[in-house]
Amino acid sequence: MNINKNDTAIVVIDPQNDVLSETGVSWDLVGESVKDNKTVENIERVFKAAKQNGFEVFISPHYYYPTDYGWKIAGTLEQMMLEVKEFDRRGPLTLDGFLGSGAD
């Protein structure tokens, strides 16, 4: 396999406090797996390797905004995420309350 930084990038989805921190609202569901698989440490290793080798890194966070609570239909997982306010933000155009939150 030929991995070339001209056409390859690293994409990390949802590296947020709600799933990666012991204080996150989903820690009871995912914490054991995060620890067992050394997820945080491995994300850090990937970031460092990408930087050392000149690969682009893109972060794709997941957020829920106040408008999302008006959904008429939500799947089981989405409903749970809304109930526990996982990745909750006050709005798409504000950082109020974001720093250090579960969505951060």
Protein backbone atom coordinates (compact mmCIF):
# COMPACT_ATOMS: atom_id res chain seq x y z
CA MET A 1 0.00 0.00 0.00
CA ASN A 2 1.33 3.42 -0.91
CA ILE A 3 0.17 6.14 1.46
CA ASN A 4 0.86 9.57 0.03
CA LYS A 5 0.31 12.82 1.95
CA ASN A 6 -0.78 14.49 -1.29
CA ASP A 7 -3.99 12.44 -1.39
CA THR A 8 -4.34 11.08 2.14
CA ALA A 9 -5.50 12.74 5.36
CA ILE A 10 -6.43 11.76 8.90
CA VAL A 11 -10.09 12.24 9.89
CA VAL A 12 -11.01 11.96 13.56
CA ILE A 13 -14.72 11.84 14.39
CA ASP A 14 -16.14 12.99 17.75
CA PRO A 15 -12.99 13.34 19.87
CA GLN A 16 -14.99 15.17 22.52
CA ASN A 17 -15.15 15.28 26.30
CA ASP A 18 -18.55 13.57 26.48
CA VAL A 19 -16.97 10.31 25.24
CA LEU A 20 -13.26 10.69 26.05
CA SER A 21 -13.38 12.12 29.58
CA GLU A 22 -14.39 10.52 32.87
CA THR A 23 -16.62 13.57 33.41
CA GLY A 24 -18.41 13.08 30.06
CA VAL A 25 -22.10 12.20 30.03
CA SER A 26 -21.44 9.00 28.05
CA TRP A 27 -18.49 7.78 30.09
CA ASP A 28 -20.57 5.09 31.81
CA LEU A 29 -21.36 3.63 28.38
CA VAL A 30 -17.97 3.95 26.68
CA GLY A 31 -15.38 4.62 29.39
CA GLU A 32 -14.26 1.04 29.88
CA SER A 33 -13.67 0.66 26.15
CA VAL A 34 -11.89 4.03 25.95
CA LYS A 35 -9.52 2.95 28.73
CA ASP A 36 -9.04 -0.65 27.55
CA ASN A 37 -8.24 0.46 24.00
CA LYS A 38 -6.15 3.44 25.14
CA THR A 39 -8.24 5.60 22.82
CA VAL A 40 -7.00 8.97 24.09
CA GLU A 41 -3.37 7.88 24.00
CA ASN A 42 -3.79 6.43 20.51
CA ILE A 43 -5.47 9.58 19.19
CA GLU A 44 -2.50 11.52 20.53
CA ARG A 45 -0.09 9.12 18.80
CA VAL A 46 -1.94 9.52 15.50
CA PHE A 47 -1.88 13.34 15.81
CA LYS A 48 1.87 13.35 16.54
CA ALA A 49 2.64 10.94 13.68
CA ALA A 50 0.56 13.02 11.28
CA LYS A 51 2.37 16.19 12.28
CA GLN A 52 5.81 14.58 12.04
CA ASN A 53 5.01 13.25 8.57
CA GLY A 54 3.18 16.26 7.16
CA PHE A 55 -0.31 14.73 6.92
CA GLU A 56 -3.37 16.94 7.21
CA VAL A 57 -5.68 16.22 10.16
CA PHE A 58 -9.38 16.99 10.07
CA ILE A 59 -11.63 16.86 13.12
CA SER A 60 -15.31 16.12 12.60
CA PRO A 61 -17.13 16.93 15.83
CA HIS A 62 -20.76 16.06 16.49
CA TYR A 63 -22.97 18.70 18.08
CA TYR A 64 -26.57 18.99 19.20
CA TYR A 65 -28.17 22.44 19.21
CA PRO A 66 -31.42 23.61 20.83
CA THR A 67 -33.25 23.19 17.50
CA ASP A 68 -32.42 19.46 17.52
CA TYR A 69 -34.67 18.94 20.54
CA GLY A 70 -37.67 19.54 18.30
CA TRP A 71 -37.06 16.46 16.16
CA LYS A 72 -40.28 14.54 15.42
CA ILE A 73 -38.41 11.29 14.73
CA ALA A 74 -35.14 10.18 16.30
CA GLY A 75 -33.49 6.81 16.39
CA THR A 76 -32.79 5.07 19.70
CA LEU A 77 -29.19 6.29 19.87
CA GLU A 78 -30.07 9.84 18.86
CA GLN A 79 -32.84 9.94 21.46
CA MET A 80 -30.42 8.79 24.18
CA MET A 81 -27.86 11.38 23.09
CA LEU A 82 -30.48 14.13 23.27
CA GLU A 83 -31.72 12.95 26.67
CA VAL A 84 -28.25 13.06 28.26
CA LYS A 85 -27.35 16.25 26.34
CA GLU A 86 -24.32 14.62 24.72
CA PHE A 87 -22.34 17.06 22.54
CA ASP A 88 -24.79 19.79 23.60
CA ARG A 89 -24.12 23.36 22.46
CA ARG A 90 -26.11 26.56 22.92
CA GLY A 91 -26.07 27.32 19.20
CA PRO A 92 -24.05 26.98 16.01
CA LEU A 93 -22.92 30.61 16.06
CA THR A 94 -21.83 30.93 19.68
CA LEU A 95 -19.03 29.55 21.83
CA ASP A 96 -20.83 30.51 25.07
CA GLY A 97 -20.37 27.65 27.51
CA PHE A 98 -18.36 25.61 25.00
CA LEU A 99 -14.85 25.65 26.51
CA GLY A 100 -14.44 22.57 28.71
CA SER A 101 -17.99 21.37 28.02
CA GLY A 102 -18.87 17.87 26.90
CA ALA A 103 -19.01 19.10 23.30
CA ASP A 104 -15.46 20.51 23.55
